[in-house]
Amino acid sequence: MINAFLKEVIVYVAGKPAENITEILSTKKHVNEFLIAKKIDLTINQTRNILYKISDNGLVSSIRKKDNKKGWYTYFWKIENLKSLEFLKQVLLKQIEQINNHIKSRESKQFYICERCNIELTEEKALLHNFTCDECGDVFKIKDNFKLLREFKKNLEKLKNKIYLIDQEIEKEKGKIEKQKVVEGKKLDKEKAKETIKKGLARKKLAEMNLKNKKATLKKPKKKKSFKQKKNLPSVVGLKNKKRR
């Protein structure tokens, strides 16, 4: 179901030649633009023009990578499901608004038609032409709006049902995005936890090294005093000087 909606929005934005690009872009990872061009059998410039049209409406995302050997950048593309569905919904809502305006106009105004030329005019314009066709001279007849109104209302119901299905797909996509956020959040928490443990181990190791160095300093033997220093005895030189006096 979602692929049909995505294809519809791509064709609406970029035209029929872009129809086959939908399935290629509907992947979890971004796809090389040269591979896209090869698969849809178009030149790289034609492919890029299509992608740029879609991108202008925010329906695809892209990343670029540099070729280290050739030095140029290559773009990789992926369709954004949620944005595409929401875009299509807005298109359909505008169509519903237009149909409602037509229904209101047909129910409140009288229209006239030239059956030979198939020209339709409002009552005001038909009056300006004296209810006579300028092309063939036939007299205008009152247009029966019953069939047209029935067709309008039928199309209106189809569009409403379609929007209901799109809303279901939108909710599914939102659920996937939330689930992905949870997964990424858990992954980030694990990485933070690992980093915290790593820092804790580093601090513990540093503390152990400091403690080891401190113990080594405390165990270092003190320099022993000489016998003379212990007894506070005068030096030999001091005794000789004393005898001379």
Protein backbone atom coordinates (compact mmCIF):
# COMPACT_ATOMS: atom_id res chain seq x y z
CA MET A 1 0.00 0.00 0.00
CA ILE A 2 2.69 2.50 0.99
CA ASN A 3 4.67 1.87 -2.22
CA ALA A 4 1.62 2.84 -4.29
CA PHE A 5 1.28 6.08 -2.32
CA LEU A 6 4.99 6.86 -2.65
CA LYS A 7 4.88 6.21 -6.38
CA GLU A 8 1.87 8.50 -6.71
CA VAL A 9 3.56 11.38 -4.94
CA ILE A 10 6.78 10.97 -6.94
CA VAL A 11 4.86 11.04 -10.23
CA TYR A 12 2.90 14.08 -9.03
CA VAL A 13 6.12 15.97 -8.26
CA ALA A 14 8.53 14.80 -10.98
CA GLY A 15 6.32 13.31 -13.71
CA LYS A 16 5.81 9.84 -15.17
CA PRO A 17 9.53 9.24 -16.04
CA ALA A 18 10.28 9.29 -12.31
CA GLU A 19 7.82 6.50 -11.50
CA ASN A 20 10.41 3.69 -11.44
CA ILE A 21 12.72 5.59 -9.11
CA THR A 22 10.37 5.02 -6.17
CA GLU A 23 11.26 1.39 -5.43
CA ILE A 24 14.99 2.13 -5.72
CA LEU A 25 14.80 4.96 -3.19
CA SER A 26 12.54 3.02 -0.78
CA THR A 27 15.40 1.51 1.19
CA LYS A 28 16.81 1.89 4.69
CA LYS A 29 20.18 3.05 3.35
CA HIS A 30 20.98 5.85 0.90
CA VAL A 31 21.57 4.73 -2.71
CA ASN A 32 24.38 5.86 -5.03
CA GLU A 33 23.01 8.25 -7.70
CA PHE A 34 24.98 6.47 -10.45
CA LEU A 35 23.35 3.18 -9.47
CA ILE A 36 19.93 4.88 -9.56
CA ALA A 37 20.61 6.21 -13.07
CA LYS A 38 21.67 2.75 -14.25
CA LYS A 39 18.58 1.03 -12.83
CA ILE A 40 16.06 3.49 -14.32
CA ASP A 41 18.00 3.61 -17.61
CA LEU A 42 18.54 7.39 -17.66
CA THR A 43 21.64 9.56 -17.87
CA ILE A 44 23.13 10.84 -14.63
CA ASN A 45 22.00 14.39 -15.49
CA GLN A 46 18.41 13.27 -16.16
CA THR A 47 18.45 11.31 -12.91
CA ARG A 48 19.78 14.27 -10.97
CA ASN A 49 17.10 16.57 -12.40
CA ILE A 50 14.42 14.16 -11.14
CA LEU A 51 16.08 13.87 -7.74
CA TYR A 52 16.40 17.65 -7.43
CA LYS A 53 12.69 18.12 -8.19
CA ILE A 54 11.79 15.62 -5.51
CA SER A 55 14.32 17.15 -3.12
CA ASP A 56 12.86 20.65 -3.60
CA ASN A 57 9.69 19.35 -1.92
CA GLY A 58 11.65 17.75 0.92
CA LEU A 59 10.62 14.21 -0.05
CA VAL A 60 14.14 12.74 -0.19
CA SER A 61 17.28 13.05 1.89
CA SER A 62 20.84 12.85 0.61
CA ILE A 63 24.37 12.45 1.86
CA ARG A 64 27.60 12.98 -0.04
CA LYS A 65 30.84 11.09 0.06
CA LYS A 66 34.17 12.06 -1.42
CA ASP A 67 35.98 9.70 -3.76
CA ASN A 68 39.52 9.72 -2.40
CA LYS A 69 40.98 8.55 -5.70
CA LYS A 70 39.10 10.86 -8.11
CA GLY A 71 38.55 13.71 -5.69
CA TRP A 72 34.90 14.41 -6.53
CA TYR A 73 31.76 14.01 -4.46
CA THR A 74 29.06 11.42 -5.08
CA TYR A 75 25.55 11.81 -3.68
CA PHE A 76 23.50 9.05 -2.12
CA TRP A 77 19.69 9.35 -1.93
CA LYS A 78 16.78 7.90 0.03
CA ILE A 79 13.05 8.67 0.00
CA GLU A 80 11.53 10.04 3.22
CA ASN A 81 8.37 7.98 3.70
CA LEU A 82 6.69 10.10 6.36
CA LYS A 83 7.26 13.43 4.60
CA SER A 84 6.07 11.94 1.30
CA LEU A 85 2.87 10.60 2.84
CA GLU A 86 2.15 13.90 4.56
CA PHE A 87 2.80 15.75 1.29
CA LEU A 88 0.39 13.48 -0.59
CA LYS A 89 -2.23 13.98 2.11
CA GLN A 90 -2.03 17.76 1.68
CA VAL A 91 -2.42 17.38 -2.11
CA LEU A 92 -5.56 15.28 -1.62
CA LEU A 93 -6.99 17.71 0.93
CA LYS A 94 -6.66 20.52 -1.64
CA GLN A 95 -8.46 18.35 -4.20
CA ILE A 96 -11.25 17.72 -1.69
CA GLU A 97 -11.53 21.46 -1.09
CA GLN A 98 -11.82 22.10 -4.85
CA ILE A 99 -14.50 19.42 -5.26
CA ASN A 100 -16.48 20.85 -2.34
CA ASN A 101 -16.34 24.26 -3.98
CA HIS A 102 -17.61 22.77 -7.26
CA ILE A 103 -20.44 20.99 -5.46
CA LYS A 104 -21.42 24.17 -3.65
CA SER A 105 -21.36 26.12 -6.90
CA ARG A 106 -23.45 23.53 -8.78
CA GLU A 107 -26.00 23.35 -6.00
CA SER A 108 -26.42 27.11 -5.69
CA LYS A 109 -26.10 28.29 -9.30
CA GLN A 110 -27.77 27.52 -12.61
CA PHE A 111 -25.65 26.63 -15.64
CA TYR A 112 -26.51 26.63 -19.35
CA ILE A 113 -24.96 24.61 -22.17
CA CYS A 114 -24.75 24.57 -25.94
CA GLU A 115 -25.08 20.86 -26.72
CA ARG A 116 -23.64 21.21 -30.22
CA CYS A 117 -20.46 23.08 -29.21
CA ASN A 118 -20.33 21.67 -25.69
CA ILE A 119 -19.92 25.17 -24.28
CA GLU A 120 -21.05 25.75 -20.72
CA LEU A 121 -21.84 29.13 -19.19
CA THR A 122 -23.20 30.47 -15.93
CA GLU A 123 -26.63 32.01 -15.98
CA GLU A 124 -25.14 35.53 -15.86
CA LYS A 125 -22.91 34.93 -18.88
CA ALA A 126 -25.65 33.13 -20.79
CA LEU A 127 -27.89 36.17 -20.24
CA LEU A 128 -25.21 38.44 -21.71
CA HIS A 129 -25.34 36.30 -24.89
CA ASN A 130 -29.18 36.26 -24.92
CA PHE A 131 -28.98 32.51 -24.18
CA THR A 132 -27.67 31.97 -27.71
CA CYS A 133 -24.36 30.37 -28.72
CA ASP A 134 -22.09 32.73 -30.62
CA GLU A 135 -20.43 29.80 -32.41
CA CYS A 136 -23.43 27.98 -33.91
CA GLY A 137 -26.46 30.09 -33.03
CA ASP A 138 -28.22 27.35 -31.07
CA VAL A 139 -30.17 28.27 -27.98
CA PHE A 140 -28.57 27.35 -24.65
CA LYS A 141 -30.27 24.69 -22.58
CA ILE A 142 -30.33 24.37 -18.82
CA LYS A 143 -27.56 22.07 -17.66
CA ASP A 144 -28.68 19.09 -15.59
CA ASN A 145 -26.23 19.00 -12.70
CA PHE A 146 -27.52 15.77 -11.18
CA LYS A 147 -25.04 13.45 -12.91
CA LEU A 148 -22.17 15.85 -12.42
CA LEU A 149 -22.94 16.28 -8.72
CA ARG A 150 -23.16 12.53 -8.30
CA GLU A 151 -19.73 12.16 -9.91
CA PHE A 152 -18.27 14.89 -7.72
CA LYS A 153 -19.60 13.26 -4.56
CA LYS A 154 -18.35 9.87 -5.70
CA ASN A 155 -14.85 11.23 -6.22
CA LEU A 156 -15.07 13.05 -2.90
CA GLU A 157 -15.81 9.79 -1.11
CA LYS A 158 -12.87 8.07 -2.82
CA LEU A 159 -10.48 10.82 -1.75
CA LYS A 160 -11.69 10.66 1.85
CA ASN A 161 -11.17 6.89 1.93
CA LYS A 162 -7.73 7.36 0.43
CA ILE A 163 -6.77 9.90 3.09
CA TYR A 164 -7.97 7.46 5.76
CA LEU A 165 -5.54 4.83 4.40
CA ILE A 166 -2.74 7.39 4.17
CA ASP A 167 -3.33 8.35 7.81
CA GLN A 168 -2.88 4.70 8.76
CA GLU A 169 0.43 4.55 6.89
CA ILE A 170 1.51 7.82 8.51
CA GLU A 171 0.88 6.36 11.96
CA LYS A 172 2.91 3.27 11.03
CA GLU A 173 5.83 5.42 9.88
CA LYS A 174 5.68 7.51 13.04
CA GLY A 175 5.77 4.28 15.06
CA LYS A 176 8.86 3.12 13.14
CA ILE A 177 10.58 6.46 13.73
CA GLU A 178 9.83 6.36 17.46
CA LYS A 179 11.08 2.78 17.65
CA GLN A 180 14.27 3.79 15.85
CA LYS A 181 14.75 6.68 18.28
CA VAL A 182 14.42 4.26 21.20
CA VAL A 183 16.99 1.91 19.65
CA GLU A 184 19.38 4.78 18.96
CA GLY A 185 18.79 6.12 22.50
CA LYS A 186 19.66 2.75 24.03
CA LYS A 187 22.72 2.52 21.84
CA LEU A 188 23.80 6.00 22.91
CA ASP A 189 23.19 5.11 26.58
CA LYS A 190 25.37 2.02 26.20
CA GLU A 191 28.13 4.07 24.62
CA LYS A 192 27.89 6.63 27.43
CA ALA A 193 27.94 3.84 30.02
CA LYS A 194 31.05 2.33 28.40
CA GLU A 195 32.70 5.74 28.35
CA THR A 196 31.81 6.29 32.01
CA ILE A 197 33.23 2.88 32.96
CA LYS A 198 36.33 3.61 30.92
CA LYS A 199 36.86 6.94 32.67
CA GLY A 200 36.18 5.29 36.04
CA LEU A 201 38.79 2.61 35.37
CA ALA A 202 41.25 5.27 34.27
CA ARG A 203 40.68 7.25 37.50
CA LYS A 204 40.99 4.04 39.56
CA LYS A 205 44.25 3.14 37.83
CA LEU A 206 45.60 6.63 38.41
CA ALA A 207 44.59 6.47 42.09
CA GLU A 208 46.31 3.09 42.43
CA MET A 209 49.47 4.45 40.84
CA ASN A 210 49.44 7.46 43.17
CA LEU A 211 48.95 5.18 46.18
CA LYS A 212 51.76 2.92 45.02
CA ASN A 213 54.11 5.87 44.59
CA LYS A 214 53.14 7.17 48.03
CA LYS A 215 53.85 3.79 49.66
CA ALA A 216 57.15 3.57 47.84
CA THR A 217 58.10 6.99 49.19
CA LEU A 218 57.18 5.98 52.76
CA LYS A 219 59.19 2.77 52.57
CA LYS A 220 62.29 4.55 51.27
CA PRO A 221 65.08 4.08 53.97
CA LYS A 222 66.23 7.22 55.77
CA LYS A 223 69.88 8.25 55.58
CA LYS A 224 71.70 6.93 58.67
CA LYS A 225 73.44 9.43 60.96
CA SER A 226 77.14 8.98 61.78
CA PHE A 227 78.26 8.04 65.28
CA LYS A 228 79.54 11.54 65.87
CA GLN A 229 76.27 13.14 64.77
CA LYS A 230 74.36 10.79 67.13
CA LYS A 231 76.56 11.67 70.23
CA ASN A 232 77.02 15.32 69.26
CA LEU A 233 80.83 14.75 69.55
CA PRO A 234 83.11 17.46 68.25
CA SER A 235 84.94 16.75 65.08
CA VAL A 236 88.68 15.83 65.02
CA VAL A 237 89.50 19.22 63.60
CA GLY A 238 87.66 20.89 66.46
CA LEU A 239 89.70 18.92 69.08
CA LYS A 240 93.03 19.79 67.49
CA ASN A 241 92.19 23.49 67.48
CA LYS A 242 91.19 23.24 71.15
CA LYS A 243 94.60 21.65 72.18
CA ARG A 244 96.57 24.38 70.41
CA ARG A 245 94.86 26.99 72.46
